[in-house]
C-alpha atoms as a PDB file:
ATOM      1  CA  MET A   1     -17.111 -54.689 -26.820  1.00  0.00           C
ATOM      2  CA  LYS A   2     -14.850 -52.568 -27.154  1.00  0.00           C
ATOM      3  CA  ALA A   3     -12.333 -55.664 -27.469  1.00  0.00           C
ATOM      4  CA  GLU A   4     -14.695 -56.899 -30.041  1.00  0.00           C
ATOM      5  CA  ALA A   5     -14.508 -53.151 -31.573  1.00  0.00           C
ATOM      6  CA  TRP A   6     -10.588 -53.237 -31.850  1.00  0.00           C
ATOM      7  CA  LEU A   7     -10.629 -56.941 -33.018  1.00  0.00           C
ATOM      8  CA  PHE A   8     -12.247 -56.025 -35.984  1.00  0.00           C
ATOM      9  CA  THR A   9     -10.518 -53.077 -36.529  1.00  0.00           C
ATOM     10  CA  GLY A  10      -7.272 -53.957 -36.843  1.00  0.00           C
ATOM     11  CA  THR A  11      -8.275 -57.188 -39.104  1.00  0.00           C
ATOM     12  CA  ALA A  12     -10.167 -54.135 -41.310  1.00  0.00           C
ATOM     13  CA  LEU A  13      -6.858 -52.647 -41.584  1.00  0.00           C
ATOM     14  CA  PHE A  14      -5.056 -55.605 -42.381  1.00  0.00           C
ATOM     15  CA  PHE A  15      -7.153 -56.281 -45.019  1.00  0.00           C
ATOM     16  CA  GLY A  16      -6.794 -52.570 -46.706  1.00  0.00           C
ATOM     17  CA  ALA A  17      -3.028 -52.814 -46.061  1.00  0.00           C
ATOM     18  CA  THR A  18      -3.309 -56.067 -47.706  1.00  0.00           C
ATOM     19  CA  ALA A  19      -5.259 -55.493 -50.774  1.00  0.00           C
ATOM     20  CA  VAL A  20      -3.702 -52.290 -51.441  1.00  0.00           C
ATOM     21  CA  VAL A  21      -0.482 -54.547 -51.102  1.00  0.00           C
ATOM     22  CA  TYR A  22      -1.410 -56.995 -54.065  1.00  0.00           C
ATOM     23  CA  ARG A  23      -2.807 -54.322 -56.136  1.00  0.00           C
ATOM     24  CA  TRP A  24       0.094 -52.529 -56.299  1.00  0.00           C
ATOM     25  CA  LEU A  25       2.431 -56.129 -56.492  1.00  0.00           C
ATOM     26  CA  SER A  26      -0.124 -57.944 -58.647  1.00  0.00           C
ATOM     27  CA  THR A  27      -2.150 -57.867 -61.641  1.00  0.00           C
ATOM     28  CA  ASP A  28      -5.167 -60.035 -60.521  1.00  0.00           C
ATOM     29  CA  PRO A  29      -8.216 -58.056 -60.021  1.00  0.00           C
ATOM     30  CA  ALA A  30     -10.123 -61.288 -59.203  1.00  0.00           C
ATOM     31  CA  GLY A  31      -7.780 -61.902 -55.585  1.00  0.00           C
ATOM     32  CA  SER A  32      -7.560 -57.228 -55.429  1.00  0.00           C
ATOM     33  CA  SER A  33     -11.789 -57.921 -55.087  1.00  0.00           C
ATOM     34  CA  ALA A  34     -11.805 -60.339 -52.860  1.00  0.00           C
ATOM     35  CA  LEU A  35      -9.571 -58.362 -50.126  1.00  0.00           C
ATOM     36  CA  CYS A  36     -11.230 -54.939 -50.775  1.00  0.00           C
ATOM     37  CA  VAL A  37     -14.555 -56.380 -49.605  1.00  0.00           C
ATOM     38  CA  SER A  38     -13.113 -58.485 -47.061  1.00  0.00           C
ATOM     39  CA  PHE A  39     -12.445 -55.345 -46.078  1.00  0.00           C
ATOM     40  CA  LEU A  40     -15.472 -53.119 -46.187  1.00  0.00           C
ATOM     41  CA  MET A  41     -16.766 -55.971 -44.656  1.00  0.00           C
ATOM     42  CA  SER A  42     -14.522 -56.625 -42.124  1.00  0.00           C
ATOM     43  CA  ALA A  43     -14.661 -52.325 -41.685  1.00  0.00           C
ATOM     44  CA  LEU A  44     -18.645 -52.529 -41.451  1.00  0.00           C
ATOM     45  CA  VAL A  45     -18.422 -54.845 -38.623  1.00  0.00           C
ATOM     46  CA  ALA A  46     -16.060 -52.339 -36.738  1.00  0.00           C
ATOM     47  CA  ALA A  47     -17.922 -49.820 -36.816  1.00  0.00           C
ATOM     48  CA  PHE A  48     -20.918 -51.464 -36.401  1.00  0.00           C
ATOM     49  CA  LEU A  49     -19.210 -52.574 -32.459  1.00  0.00           C
ATOM     50  CA  TRP A  50     -17.975 -49.585 -32.047  1.00  0.00           C
ATOM     51  CA  ARG A  51     -21.558 -47.480 -32.479  1.00  0.00           C
ATOM     52  CA  ARG A  52     -22.805 -50.167 -30.240  1.00  0.00           C
ATOM     53  CA  HIS A  53     -20.025 -49.705 -27.740  1.00  0.00           C
ATOM     54  CA  ARG A  54     -20.615 -45.730 -27.432  1.00  0.00           C
ATOM     55  CA  ARG A  55     -24.554 -46.561 -26.968  1.00  0.00           C
ATOM     56  CA  GLY A  56     -24.205 -48.578 -24.777  1.00  0.00           C
ATOM     57  CA  GLY A  57     -21.692 -47.529 -22.752  1.00  0.00           C
ATOM     58  CA  GLU A  58     -18.358 -50.460 -20.628  1.00  0.00           C
ATOM     59  CA  ARG A  59     -20.383 -53.910 -19.989  1.00  0.00           C
ATOM     60  CA  PRO A  60     -19.156 -55.483 -16.951  1.00  0.00           C
ATOM     61  CA  GLU A  61     -16.700 -57.650 -19.361  1.00  0.00           C
ATOM     62  CA  ASP A  62     -14.989 -55.020 -20.777  1.00  0.00           C
ATOM     63  CA  ARG A  63     -13.995 -54.047 -16.825  1.00  0.00           C
ATOM     64  CA  ASP A  64     -10.583 -55.994 -14.977  1.00  0.00           C
ATOM     65  CA  ASP A  65     -12.364 -55.334 -11.504  1.00  0.00           C
ATOM     66  CA  ALA A  66     -16.213 -56.515 -12.511  1.00  0.00           C
ATOM     67  CA  GLU A  67     -17.753 -59.323 -10.518  1.00  0.00           C
ATOM     68  CA  VAL A  68     -19.627 -61.866 -11.387  1.00  0.00           C
ATOM     69  CA  ARG A  69     -23.551 -60.629 -10.146  1.00  0.00           C
ATOM     70  CA  GLU A  70     -22.686 -56.942 -12.458  1.00  0.00           C
ATOM     71  CA  ALA A  71     -23.516 -58.519 -15.600  1.00  0.00           C
ATOM     72  CA  SER A  72     -26.999 -60.735 -14.238  1.00  0.00           C
ATOM     73  CA  GLY A  73     -30.423 -59.469 -14.717  1.00  0.00           C
ATOM     74  CA  ARG A  74     -32.120 -58.786 -17.974  1.00  0.00           C
ATOM     75  CA  ARG A  75     -29.195 -57.850 -21.244  1.00  0.00           C
ATOM     76  CA  THR A  76     -30.458 -57.301 -24.516  1.00  0.00           C
ATOM     77  CA  PHE A  77     -33.676 -56.569 -26.359  1.00  0.00           C
ATOM     78  CA  PHE A  78     -34.449 -58.993 -28.435  1.00  0.00           C
ATOM     79  CA  PRO A  79     -37.508 -59.089 -31.052  1.00  0.00           C
ATOM     80  CA  ASP A  80     -40.694 -60.574 -31.302  1.00  0.00           C
ATOM     81  CA  ARG A  81     -41.250 -63.622 -33.613  1.00  0.00           C
ATOM     82  CA  SER A  82     -41.117 -62.095 -37.285  1.00  0.00           C
ATOM     83  CA  HIS A  83     -41.976 -63.279 -40.481  1.00  0.00           C
ATOM     84  CA  TYR A  84     -39.929 -60.673 -41.971  1.00  0.00           C
ATOM     85  CA  PRO A  85     -37.401 -64.068 -42.222  1.00  0.00           C
ATOM     86  CA  VAL A  86     -39.602 -65.781 -44.550  1.00  0.00           C
ATOM     87  CA  LEU A  87     -40.213 -62.884 -46.854  1.00  0.00           C
ATOM     88  CA  THR A  88     -36.178 -61.870 -47.345  1.00  0.00           C
ATOM     89  CA  ALA A  89     -35.129 -65.732 -48.151  1.00  0.00           C
ATOM     90  CA  LEU A  90     -38.273 -65.510 -50.813  1.00  0.00           C
ATOM     91  CA  GLY A  91     -37.287 -62.056 -52.193  1.00  0.00           C
ATOM     92  CA  ALA A  92     -33.791 -62.810 -52.698  1.00  0.00           C
ATOM     93  CA  ALA A  93     -34.955 -66.772 -53.964  1.00  0.00           C
ATOM     94  CA  LEU A  94     -37.297 -64.698 -56.297  1.00  0.00           C
ATOM     95  CA  ALA A  95     -34.251 -62.579 -57.392  1.00  0.00           C
ATOM     96  CA  GLY A  96     -32.071 -64.278 -57.713  1.00  0.00           C
ATOM     97  CA  LEU A  97     -33.959 -66.781 -60.271  1.00  0.00           C
ATOM     98  CA  GLY A  98     -35.335 -63.672 -61.761  1.00  0.00           C
ATOM     99  CA  VAL A  99     -31.561 -63.591 -62.996  1.00  0.00           C
ATOM    100  CA  VAL A 100     -32.445 -66.638 -64.947  1.00  0.00           C
ATOM    101  CA  GLN A 101     -35.802 -65.984 -66.379  1.00  0.00           C
ATOM    102  CA  GLY A 102     -36.625 -62.554 -66.768  1.00  0.00           C
ATOM    103  CA  LEU A 103     -36.524 -59.126 -65.268  1.00  0.00           C
ATOM    104  CA  TRP A 104     -40.356 -59.086 -64.230  1.00  0.00           C
ATOM    105  CA  LEU A 105     -39.948 -62.210 -61.949  1.00  0.00           C
ATOM    106  CA  PHE A 106     -36.359 -59.880 -60.195  1.00  0.00           C
ATOM    107  CA  LEU A 107     -38.078 -56.885 -59.753  1.00  0.00           C
ATOM    108  CA  ILE A 108     -40.807 -59.249 -57.998  1.00  0.00           C
ATOM    109  CA  GLY A 109     -38.447 -60.603 -56.036  1.00  0.00           C
ATOM    110  CA  PHE A 110     -36.415 -56.860 -55.458  1.00  0.00           C
ATOM    111  CA  GLY A 111     -39.704 -56.017 -54.310  1.00  0.00           C
ATOM    112  CA  ALA A 112     -40.106 -58.582 -52.005  1.00  0.00           C
ATOM    113  CA  LEU A 113     -36.806 -58.382 -50.769  1.00  0.00           C
ATOM    114  CA  ALA A 114     -37.265 -55.175 -50.223  1.00  0.00           C
ATOM    115  CA  ALA A 115     -39.995 -55.208 -48.183  1.00  0.00           C
ATOM    116  CA  GLY A 116     -38.328 -57.760 -45.566  1.00  0.00           C
ATOM    117  CA  ILE A 117     -35.592 -55.606 -45.612  1.00  0.00           C
ATOM    118  CA  LEU A 118     -37.655 -52.352 -44.234  1.00  0.00           C
ATOM    119  CA  GLY A 119     -39.443 -54.457 -41.584  1.00  0.00           C
ATOM    120  CA  PHE A 120     -36.395 -56.096 -40.448  1.00  0.00           C
ATOM    121  CA  ALA A 121     -34.704 -52.060 -40.205  1.00  0.00           C
ATOM    122  CA  PHE A 122     -38.580 -50.516 -38.696  1.00  0.00           C
ATOM    123  CA  GLN A 123     -39.848 -53.154 -36.567  1.00  0.00           C
ATOM    124  CA  ASN A 124     -39.197 -52.397 -33.202  1.00  0.00           C
ATOM    125  CA  LEU A 125     -39.080 -48.066 -33.369  1.00  0.00           C
ATOM    126  CA  ASP A 126     -41.559 -48.578 -30.428  1.00  0.00           C
ATOM    127  CA  HIS A 127     -39.105 -50.413 -28.210  1.00  0.00           C
ATOM    128  CA  PRO A 128     -38.254 -48.028 -26.075  1.00  0.00           C
ATOM    129  CA  GLU A 129     -34.066 -49.120 -26.467  1.00  0.00           C
END
């Protein structure tokens, strides 16, 4: 994942430099905000890929002298079926409706959203990988 990590690191640096120059030359807050969010999103993906590279080590795809058979077999862990995507989507929808309808619905939606996100994060804690 080293090549992918470098790609997103370069993208994050590009968006960061562009945001600084754009903010310096322009008074438009929307463009500056969009560039800052783009920088943060690509930096988040880059950080995730660097972390995965450090934890998983070098893949056969990262080496020039790798054989095709080295990439065979089990590559990664995929979790079992889960109900957390539905709970997260329901929570996000209720929170969005709560912005329009009232605080009570937003709080219910936020609770469901938080439960869904925490379920995503901790559903596979007992897995050895």
